[in-house]
């Protein structure tokens, strides 16, 4: 990924857990790959949910993002193909949490991921599933990325705490990654029948304007079931509301990336 690179690197992040961050990373990656893009999903969350959500057997892994972030291995050795065409994953296990502790006193602690990504080629889009916290790993994700995709749950406290994340983005932009940009805000877990969901949606739009995706992600039982089968919702039930919504979001994301070229 040299200068003038064509790979778009997107950090999917929100420091609040349970907002559909990993679900969004998996399903957007899947639909981008379905549309012909070569996609790499980097699992940077020690919980490793993106890895299991794509059917990776974590008990069997020799090289993961833990070894990559500690500098023992290069990223290419950790990447695994998935059963979905054009979609690969760099998996992780809880071992990454220990690596992060060691990173804190290490050299180049903020740029490990950026360095790792610069050694791989051949992808149109790299999505990074960041941990649900403003940790050293998340900062690595923000420094390595061109764009941030922000899933926001349509519930009462949705915008609380976002200020801190946006502040961190600002600091990263000032210091180590001047071209970092918010590519989109994705309302998740929408229940269009409730006044609250609609109010929060309006509030998100008021804050972020045209950055908000036109499609929001509904609450959908299929979305909740798919990870236990180790597949994206599009492979589990492609006609479900959740699958149709993520397909539309992936399409809109493609258009936004195209417009940035």
C-alpha atoms as a PDB file:
ATOM      1  CA  UNK A   1       0.000   0.000   0.000  1.00  0.00           C
ATOM      2  CA  UNK A   2       2.272   2.715  -1.267  1.00  0.00           C
ATOM      3  CA  UNK A   3       1.489   6.372  -1.883  1.00  0.00           C
ATOM      4  CA  UNK A   4      -1.424   6.782  -4.276  1.00  0.00           C
ATOM      5  CA  UNK A   5      -2.727   3.487  -2.938  1.00  0.00           C
ATOM      6  CA  UNK A   6      -6.149   2.376  -3.997  1.00  0.00           C
ATOM      7  CA  UNK A   7      -6.943   0.436  -0.821  1.00  0.00           C
ATOM      8  CA  UNK A   8      -9.504   2.139   1.426  1.00  0.00           C
ATOM      9  CA  UNK A   9      -8.839   1.385   5.097  1.00  0.00           C
ATOM     10  CA  UNK A  10     -11.900   1.825   7.325  1.00  0.00           C
ATOM     11  CA  UNK A  11     -11.944   1.606  11.133  1.00  0.00           C
ATOM     12  CA  UNK A  12     -15.347   0.471  12.415  1.00  0.00           C
ATOM     13  CA  UNK A  13     -15.490   1.860  15.913  1.00  0.00           C
ATOM     14  CA  UNK A  14     -17.599   3.014  18.812  1.00  0.00           C
ATOM     15  CA  UNK A  15     -16.252   2.930  22.358  1.00  0.00           C
ATOM     16  CA  UNK A  16     -19.648   1.778  23.602  1.00  0.00           C
ATOM     17  CA  UNK A  17     -20.231  -1.977  23.458  1.00  0.00           C
ATOM     18  CA  UNK A  18     -23.383  -3.586  22.137  1.00  0.00           C
ATOM     19  CA  UNK A  19     -24.092  -1.100  19.347  1.00  0.00           C
ATOM     20  CA  UNK A  20     -23.799  -3.580  16.477  1.00  0.00           C
ATOM     21  CA  UNK A  21     -20.181  -2.684  15.690  1.00  0.00           C
ATOM     22  CA  UNK A  22     -18.922  -6.191  14.922  1.00  0.00           C
ATOM     23  CA  UNK A  23     -22.178  -7.157  13.206  1.00  0.00           C
ATOM     24  CA  UNK A  24     -21.736  -4.107  10.973  1.00  0.00           C
ATOM     25  CA  UNK A  25     -18.080  -4.875  10.241  1.00  0.00           C
ATOM     26  CA  UNK A  26     -18.846  -8.484   9.258  1.00  0.00           C
ATOM     27  CA  UNK A  27     -21.887  -7.759   7.132  1.00  0.00           C
ATOM     28  CA  UNK A  28     -20.529  -4.713   5.338  1.00  0.00           C
ATOM     29  CA  UNK A  29     -17.354  -6.706   4.578  1.00  0.00           C
ATOM     30  CA  UNK A  30     -19.485  -9.563   3.235  1.00  0.00           C
ATOM     31  CA  UNK A  31     -21.631  -7.395   0.947  1.00  0.00           C
ATOM     32  CA  UNK A  32     -18.639  -5.420  -0.346  1.00  0.00           C
ATOM     33  CA  UNK A  33     -17.017  -8.757  -1.208  1.00  0.00           C
ATOM     34  CA  UNK A  34     -20.251  -9.934  -2.870  1.00  0.00           C
ATOM     35  CA  UNK A  35     -20.156  -6.862  -5.094  1.00  0.00           C
ATOM     36  CA  UNK A  36     -16.715  -7.875  -6.354  1.00  0.00           C
ATOM     37  CA  UNK A  37     -14.440  -5.892  -4.025  1.00  0.00           C
ATOM     38  CA  UNK A  38     -11.475  -7.760  -2.532  1.00  0.00           C
ATOM     39  CA  UNK A  39     -11.981  -7.304   1.195  1.00  0.00           C
ATOM     40  CA  UNK A  40      -9.885  -7.981   4.285  1.00  0.00           C
ATOM     41  CA  UNK A  41     -11.514  -7.830   7.713  1.00  0.00           C
ATOM     42  CA  UNK A  42      -8.981  -7.233  10.494  1.00  0.00           C
ATOM     43  CA  UNK A  43     -10.273  -8.406  13.877  1.00  0.00           C
ATOM     44  CA  UNK A  44      -8.658  -5.992  16.338  1.00  0.00           C
ATOM     45  CA  UNK A  45     -11.078  -6.687  19.192  1.00  0.00           C
ATOM     46  CA  UNK A  46      -9.642  -9.187  21.730  1.00  0.00           C
ATOM     47  CA  UNK A  47     -13.126 -10.696  22.109  1.00  0.00           C
ATOM     48  CA  UNK A  48     -12.591 -12.089  18.621  1.00  0.00           C
ATOM     49  CA  UNK A  49     -16.285 -11.931  17.694  1.00  0.00           C
ATOM     50  CA  UNK A  50     -15.625 -10.985  14.074  1.00  0.00           C
ATOM     51  CA  UNK A  51     -13.457 -14.109  13.780  1.00  0.00           C
ATOM     52  CA  UNK A  52     -16.117 -16.463  15.154  1.00  0.00           C
ATOM     53  CA  UNK A  53     -18.803 -14.599  13.210  1.00  0.00           C
ATOM     54  CA  UNK A  54     -17.000 -15.624  10.017  1.00  0.00           C
ATOM     55  CA  UNK A  55     -16.670 -19.236  11.082  1.00  0.00           C
ATOM     56  CA  UNK A  56     -13.027 -19.193  12.254  1.00  0.00           C
ATOM     57  CA  UNK A  57     -12.161 -21.970  14.703  1.00  0.00           C
ATOM     58  CA  UNK A  58     -10.181 -19.940  17.219  1.00  0.00           C
ATOM     59  CA  UNK A  59      -8.888 -22.964  19.104  1.00  0.00           C
ATOM     60  CA  UNK A  60      -6.919 -23.926  16.028  1.00  0.00           C
ATOM     61  CA  UNK A  61      -5.084 -20.711  15.250  1.00  0.00           C
ATOM     62  CA  UNK A  62      -1.325 -20.497  15.325  1.00  0.00           C
ATOM     63  CA  UNK A  63      -0.892 -16.948  14.061  1.00  0.00           C
ATOM     64  CA  UNK A  64      -3.342 -14.176  14.932  1.00  0.00           C
ATOM     65  CA  UNK A  65      -3.433 -10.396  15.259  1.00  0.00           C
ATOM     66  CA  UNK A  66      -1.776 -10.913  18.654  1.00  0.00           C
ATOM     67  CA  UNK A  67       1.443 -12.062  16.972  1.00  0.00           C
ATOM     68  CA  UNK A  68       1.137  -9.344  14.328  1.00  0.00           C
ATOM     69  CA  UNK A  69       0.698  -6.524  16.857  1.00  0.00           C
ATOM     70  CA  UNK A  70       3.547  -7.808  19.008  1.00  0.00           C
ATOM     71  CA  UNK A  71       5.780  -7.684  15.944  1.00  0.00           C
ATOM     72  CA  UNK A  72       6.525 -11.433  15.928  1.00  0.00           C
ATOM     73  CA  UNK A  73       4.762 -12.035  12.615  1.00  0.00           C
ATOM     74  CA  UNK A  74       3.870 -10.093   9.480  1.00  0.00           C
ATOM     75  CA  UNK A  75       0.190  -9.595   8.692  1.00  0.00           C
ATOM     76  CA  UNK A  76       0.202 -11.829   5.599  1.00  0.00           C
ATOM     77  CA  UNK A  77       0.915 -14.897   7.774  1.00  0.00           C
ATOM     78  CA  UNK A  78      -2.202 -14.277   9.897  1.00  0.00           C
ATOM     79  CA  UNK A  79      -4.673 -13.798   7.035  1.00  0.00           C
ATOM     80  CA  UNK A  80      -7.139 -16.630   6.412  1.00  0.00           C
ATOM     81  CA  UNK A  81      -9.541 -17.040   3.507  1.00  0.00           C
ATOM     82  CA  UNK A  82     -13.214 -17.396   4.456  1.00  0.00           C
ATOM     83  CA  UNK A  83     -15.833 -19.512   2.727  1.00  0.00           C
ATOM     84  CA  UNK A  84     -17.072 -16.321   1.044  1.00  0.00           C
ATOM     85  CA  UNK A  85     -15.544 -15.272  -2.251  1.00  0.00           C
ATOM     86  CA  UNK A  86     -13.274 -12.182  -2.105  1.00  0.00           C
ATOM     87  CA  UNK A  87     -13.432 -12.029   1.711  1.00  0.00           C
ATOM     88  CA  UNK A  88     -10.438 -12.773   3.953  1.00  0.00           C
ATOM     89  CA  UNK A  89      -9.969 -12.294   7.696  1.00  0.00           C
ATOM     90  CA  UNK A  90      -7.040 -11.587   9.991  1.00  0.00           C
ATOM     91  CA  UNK A  91      -8.423 -13.316  13.099  1.00  0.00           C
ATOM     92  CA  UNK A  92      -7.782 -12.705  16.766  1.00  0.00           C
ATOM     93  CA  UNK A  93      -8.115 -14.402  20.153  1.00  0.00           C
ATOM     94  CA  UNK A  94      -8.212 -13.036  23.735  1.00  0.00           C
ATOM     95  CA  UNK A  95      -4.396 -13.256  23.681  1.00  0.00           C
ATOM     96  CA  UNK A  96      -4.491  -9.870  21.950  1.00  0.00           C
ATOM     97  CA  UNK A  97      -5.512  -8.257  25.276  1.00  0.00           C
ATOM     98  CA  UNK A  98      -2.195  -9.415  26.835  1.00  0.00           C
ATOM     99  CA  UNK A  99      -0.285  -8.144  23.814  1.00  0.00           C
ATOM    100  CA  UNK A 100      -1.937  -4.748  24.254  1.00  0.00           C
ATOM    101  CA  UNK A 101      -0.661  -4.513  27.835  1.00  0.00           C
ATOM    102  CA  UNK A 102       2.871  -5.189  26.596  1.00  0.00           C
ATOM    103  CA  UNK A 103       2.461  -2.686  23.768  1.00  0.00           C
ATOM    104  CA  UNK A 104       1.962   0.167  26.210  1.00  0.00           C
ATOM    105  CA  UNK A 105       5.652   0.226  27.054  1.00  0.00           C
ATOM    106  CA  UNK A 106       6.847  -0.819  23.588  1.00  0.00           C
ATOM    107  CA  UNK A 107       8.328   1.173  20.740  1.00  0.00           C
ATOM    108  CA  UNK A 108       6.064   2.525  17.980  1.00  0.00           C
ATOM    109  CA  UNK A 109       3.090   1.526  20.077  1.00  0.00           C
ATOM    110  CA  UNK A 110       0.645   3.692  18.104  1.00  0.00           C
ATOM    111  CA  UNK A 111       1.719   2.685  14.606  1.00  0.00           C
ATOM    112  CA  UNK A 112       2.023  -1.102  14.825  1.00  0.00           C
ATOM    113  CA  UNK A 113      -1.137  -1.707  12.816  1.00  0.00           C
ATOM    114  CA  UNK A 114      -0.303   0.924  10.221  1.00  0.00           C
ATOM    115  CA  UNK A 115       3.070  -0.735   9.661  1.00  0.00           C
ATOM    116  CA  UNK A 116       1.454  -4.179   9.470  1.00  0.00           C
ATOM    117  CA  UNK A 117      -1.111  -3.027   6.879  1.00  0.00           C
ATOM    118  CA  UNK A 118       1.531  -1.379   4.718  1.00  0.00           C
ATOM    119  CA  UNK A 119       2.967  -4.824   3.993  1.00  0.00           C
ATOM    120  CA  UNK A 120      -0.174  -6.301   2.385  1.00  0.00           C
ATOM    121  CA  UNK A 121      -1.453  -5.658  -1.109  1.00  0.00           C
ATOM    122  CA  UNK A 122      -4.288  -6.767  -3.320  1.00  0.00           C
ATOM    123  CA  UNK A 123      -7.285  -5.543  -1.305  1.00  0.00           C
ATOM    124  CA  UNK A 124      -9.766  -2.887  -2.365  1.00  0.00           C
ATOM    125  CA  UNK A 125     -11.105  -2.392   1.155  1.00  0.00           C
ATOM    126  CA  UNK A 126      -9.669  -3.234   4.579  1.00  0.00           C
ATOM    127  CA  UNK A 127     -12.144  -3.027   7.463  1.00  0.00           C
ATOM    128  CA  UNK A 128     -10.810  -2.923  11.023  1.00  0.00           C
ATOM    129  CA  UNK A 129     -13.149  -4.099  13.774  1.00  0.00           C
ATOM    130  CA  UNK A 130     -11.872  -2.036  16.731  1.00  0.00           C
ATOM    131  CA  UNK A 131     -12.471  -2.873  20.414  1.00  0.00           C
ATOM    132  CA  UNK A 132     -15.416  -1.155  22.170  1.00  0.00           C
ATOM    133  CA  UNK A 133     -13.109   1.179  24.113  1.00  0.00           C
ATOM    134  CA  UNK A 134     -10.724   4.057  23.491  1.00  0.00           C
ATOM    135  CA  UNK A 135      -7.761   1.770  24.006  1.00  0.00           C
ATOM    136  CA  UNK A 136      -4.313   1.572  22.498  1.00  0.00           C
ATOM    137  CA  UNK A 137      -5.678  -0.908  19.953  1.00  0.00           C
ATOM    138  CA  UNK A 138      -8.433   1.516  18.899  1.00  0.00           C
ATOM    139  CA  UNK A 139      -5.904   4.328  18.521  1.00  0.00           C
ATOM    140  CA  UNK A 140      -3.812   1.964  16.347  1.00  0.00           C
ATOM    141  CA  UNK A 141      -6.940   1.426  14.244  1.00  0.00           C
ATOM    142  CA  UNK A 142      -7.554   5.168  13.882  1.00  0.00           C
ATOM    143  CA  UNK A 143      -3.944   5.870  12.933  1.00  0.00           C
ATOM    144  CA  UNK A 144      -3.931   3.080  10.334  1.00  0.00           C
ATOM    145  CA  UNK A 145      -7.264   4.077   8.758  1.00  0.00           C
ATOM    146  CA  UNK A 146      -8.299   6.510   6.054  1.00  0.00           C
ATOM    147  CA  UNK A 147     -11.865   6.565   7.298  1.00  0.00           C
ATOM    148  CA  UNK A 148     -13.990   5.900  10.356  1.00  0.00           C
ATOM    149  CA  UNK A 149     -17.380   4.219  10.144  1.00  0.00           C
ATOM    150  CA  UNK A 150     -19.387   4.847  13.277  1.00  0.00           C
ATOM    151  CA  UNK A 151     -22.309   2.560  14.203  1.00  0.00           C
ATOM    152  CA  UNK A 152     -24.650   4.300  16.661  1.00  0.00           C
ATOM    153  CA  UNK A 153     -27.463   2.513  18.438  1.00  0.00           C
ATOM    154  CA  UNK A 154     -30.855   4.202  18.261  1.00  0.00           C
ATOM    155  CA  UNK A 155     -31.379   4.422  22.017  1.00  0.00           C
ATOM    156  CA  UNK A 156     -31.466   7.061  24.714  1.00  0.00           C
ATOM    157  CA  UNK A 157     -27.757   7.253  25.579  1.00  0.00           C
ATOM    158  CA  UNK A 158     -26.595   6.870  21.983  1.00  0.00           C
ATOM    159  CA  UNK A 159     -24.815  10.193  21.699  1.00  0.00           C
ATOM    160  CA  UNK A 160     -23.353  10.081  25.192  1.00  0.00           C
ATOM    161  CA  UNK A 161     -19.666   9.334  25.108  1.00  0.00           C
ATOM    162  CA  UNK A 162     -19.420   9.970  21.369  1.00  0.00           C
ATOM    163  CA  UNK A 163     -17.859  13.317  22.162  1.00  0.00           C
ATOM    164  CA  UNK A 164     -14.851  11.537  23.613  1.00  0.00           C
ATOM    165  CA  UNK A 165     -14.421   9.407  20.503  1.00  0.00           C
ATOM    166  CA  UNK A 166     -14.702  12.430  18.212  1.00  0.00           C
ATOM    167  CA  UNK A 167     -12.159  14.233  20.401  1.00  0.00           C
ATOM    168  CA  UNK A 168      -9.764  11.291  20.034  1.00  0.00           C
ATOM    169  CA  UNK A 169     -10.269  11.376  16.264  1.00  0.00           C
ATOM    170  CA  UNK A 170      -9.431  15.091  16.324  1.00  0.00           C
ATOM    171  CA  UNK A 171      -6.208  14.427  18.248  1.00  0.00           C
ATOM    172  CA  UNK A 172      -5.237  11.645  15.848  1.00  0.00           C
ATOM    173  CA  UNK A 173      -5.888  13.995  12.921  1.00  0.00           C
ATOM    174  CA  UNK A 174      -3.763  16.716  14.488  1.00  0.00           C
ATOM    175  CA  UNK A 175      -0.909  14.386  15.238  1.00  0.00           C
ATOM    176  CA  UNK A 176      -0.392  11.096  13.487  1.00  0.00           C
ATOM    177  CA  UNK A 177      -3.003  10.787  10.753  1.00  0.00           C
ATOM    178  CA  UNK A 178      -3.956  14.109   9.203  1.00  0.00           C
ATOM    179  CA  UNK A 179      -6.262  12.632   6.549  1.00  0.00           C
ATOM    180  CA  UNK A 180      -8.519  10.585   8.858  1.00  0.00           C
ATOM    181  CA  UNK A 181     -12.139  11.239   7.937  1.00  0.00           C
ATOM    182  CA  UNK A 182     -15.586  10.158   9.110  1.00  0.00           C
ATOM    183  CA  UNK A 183     -17.025   8.255   6.129  1.00  0.00           C
ATOM    184  CA  UNK A 184     -20.400   7.609   7.715  1.00  0.00           C
ATOM    185  CA  UNK A 185     -22.580   7.240  10.786  1.00  0.00           C
ATOM    186  CA  UNK A 186     -24.767   4.145  10.792  1.00  0.00           C
ATOM    187  CA  UNK A 187     -27.879   4.061  13.002  1.00  0.00           C
ATOM    188  CA  UNK A 188     -28.317   0.484  14.273  1.00  0.00           C
ATOM    189  CA  UNK A 189     -31.000  -1.450  16.176  1.00  0.00           C
ATOM    190  CA  UNK A 190     -33.708   0.871  14.866  1.00  0.00           C
ATOM    191  CA  UNK A 191     -37.274   0.096  15.751  1.00  0.00           C
ATOM    192  CA  UNK A 192     -39.224   2.418  13.467  1.00  0.00           C
ATOM    193  CA  UNK A 193     -42.409   1.759  15.446  1.00  0.00           C
ATOM    194  CA  UNK A 194     -41.130   3.476  18.562  1.00  0.00           C
ATOM    195  CA  UNK A 195     -41.068   7.217  19.093  1.00  0.00           C
ATOM    196  CA  UNK A 196     -37.733   6.900  20.906  1.00  0.00           C
ATOM    197  CA  UNK A 197     -35.964   5.249  17.959  1.00  0.00           C
ATOM    198  CA  UNK A 198     -37.239   7.946  15.619  1.00  0.00           C
ATOM    199  CA  UNK A 199     -36.304  10.753  18.002  1.00  0.00           C
ATOM    200  CA  UNK A 200     -32.774   9.393  18.400  1.00  0.00           C
ATOM    201  CA  UNK A 201     -32.491   9.013  14.635  1.00  0.00           C
ATOM    202  CA  UNK A 202     -33.427  12.683  14.211  1.00  0.00           C
ATOM    203  CA  UNK A 203     -30.917  13.621  16.899  1.00  0.00           C
ATOM    204  CA  UNK A 204     -28.144  11.674  15.118  1.00  0.00           C
ATOM    205  CA  UNK A 205     -29.041  13.420  11.843  1.00  0.00           C
ATOM    206  CA  UNK A 206     -28.988  16.805  13.569  1.00  0.00           C
ATOM    207  CA  UNK A 207     -25.482  16.085  14.859  1.00  0.00           C
ATOM    208  CA  UNK A 208     -23.951  14.456  11.816  1.00  0.00           C
ATOM    209  CA  UNK A 209     -26.010  15.716   8.879  1.00  0.00           C
ATOM    210  CA  UNK A 210     -25.202  14.066   5.566  1.00  0.00           C
ATOM    211  CA  UNK A 211     -22.650  11.778   7.209  1.00  0.00           C
ATOM    212  CA  UNK A 212     -25.589   9.621   8.344  1.00  0.00           C
ATOM    213  CA  UNK A 213     -26.260   6.661   6.035  1.00  0.00           C
ATOM    214  CA  UNK A 214     -29.619   6.775   4.288  1.00  0.00           C
ATOM    215  CA  UNK A 215     -30.326   3.205   5.379  1.00  0.00           C
ATOM    216  CA  UNK A 216     -30.447   2.354   9.052  1.00  0.00           C
ATOM    217  CA  UNK A 217     -30.150  -1.151  10.494  1.00  0.00           C
ATOM    218  CA  UNK A 218     -33.352  -2.516  12.021  1.00  0.00           C
ATOM    219  CA  UNK A 219     -33.637  -4.768  15.036  1.00  0.00           C
ATOM    220  CA  UNK A 220     -33.814  -8.151  13.359  1.00  0.00           C
ATOM    221  CA  UNK A 221     -33.779 -11.652  14.814  1.00  0.00           C
ATOM    222  CA  UNK A 222     -31.854 -13.014  11.802  1.00  0.00           C
ATOM    223  CA  UNK A 223     -29.005 -10.589  12.524  1.00  0.00           C
ATOM    224  CA  UNK A 224     -28.818 -11.920  16.067  1.00  0.00           C
ATOM    225  CA  UNK A 225     -28.910 -15.573  14.939  1.00  0.00           C
ATOM    226  CA  UNK A 226     -26.353 -15.472  12.116  1.00  0.00           C
ATOM    227  CA  UNK A 227     -23.150 -15.239  14.252  1.00  0.00           C
ATOM    228  CA  UNK A 228     -23.967 -18.465  16.101  1.00  0.00           C
ATOM    229  CA  UNK A 229     -23.833 -20.178  12.687  1.00  0.00           C
ATOM    230  CA  UNK A 230     -20.508 -18.508  11.882  1.00  0.00           C
ATOM    231  CA  UNK A 231     -21.845 -16.726   8.795  1.00  0.00           C
ATOM    232  CA  UNK A 232     -22.861 -13.171   7.823  1.00  0.00           C
ATOM    233  CA  UNK A 233     -26.595 -12.521   7.705  1.00  0.00           C
ATOM    234  CA  UNK A 234     -26.485 -12.342   3.902  1.00  0.00           C
ATOM    235  CA  UNK A 235     -25.380 -15.970   3.776  1.00  0.00           C
ATOM    236  CA  UNK A 236     -27.759 -17.003   6.570  1.00  0.00           C
ATOM    237  CA  UNK A 237     -30.959 -15.428   5.296  1.00  0.00           C
ATOM    238  CA  UNK A 238     -30.398 -13.075   2.405  1.00  0.00           C
ATOM    239  CA  UNK A 239     -34.023 -11.950   2.226  1.00  0.00           C
ATOM    240  CA  UNK A 240     -34.178 -10.899   5.873  1.00  0.00           C
ATOM    241  CA  UNK A 241     -34.619  -7.237   6.743  1.00  0.00           C
ATOM    242  CA  UNK A 242     -31.152  -7.172   8.291  1.00  0.00           C
ATOM    243  CA  UNK A 243     -29.485  -8.575   5.174  1.00  0.00           C
ATOM    244  CA  UNK A 244     -31.288  -6.158   2.871  1.00  0.00           C
ATOM    245  CA  UNK A 245     -30.321  -3.216   5.088  1.00  0.00           C
ATOM    246  CA  UNK A 246     -26.614  -4.134   5.198  1.00  0.00           C
ATOM    247  CA  UNK A 247     -26.589  -4.720   1.448  1.00  0.00           C
ATOM    248  CA  UNK A 248     -27.932  -1.172   0.937  1.00  0.00           C
ATOM    249  CA  UNK A 249     -25.399   0.281   3.402  1.00  0.00           C
ATOM    250  CA  UNK A 250     -22.500  -1.497   1.644  1.00  0.00           C
ATOM    251  CA  UNK A 251     -23.695  -0.068  -1.663  1.00  0.00           C
ATOM    252  CA  UNK A 252     -23.896   3.438  -0.227  1.00  0.00           C
ATOM    253  CA  UNK A 253     -20.446   3.033   1.327  1.00  0.00           C
ATOM    254  CA  UNK A 254     -19.062   2.034  -2.096  1.00  0.00           C
ATOM    255  CA  UNK A 255     -20.566   5.181  -3.592  1.00  0.00           C
ATOM    256  CA  UNK A 256     -19.056   7.337  -0.860  1.00  0.00           C
ATOM    257  CA  UNK A 257     -15.626   5.771  -1.348  1.00  0.00           C
ATOM    258  CA  UNK A 258     -15.921   6.208  -5.109  1.00  0.00           C
ATOM    259  CA  UNK A 259     -16.706   9.902  -4.632  1.00  0.00           C
ATOM    260  CA  UNK A 260     -13.505  10.306  -2.558  1.00  0.00           C
ATOM    261  CA  UNK A 261     -11.248   9.091  -5.366  1.00  0.00           C
END
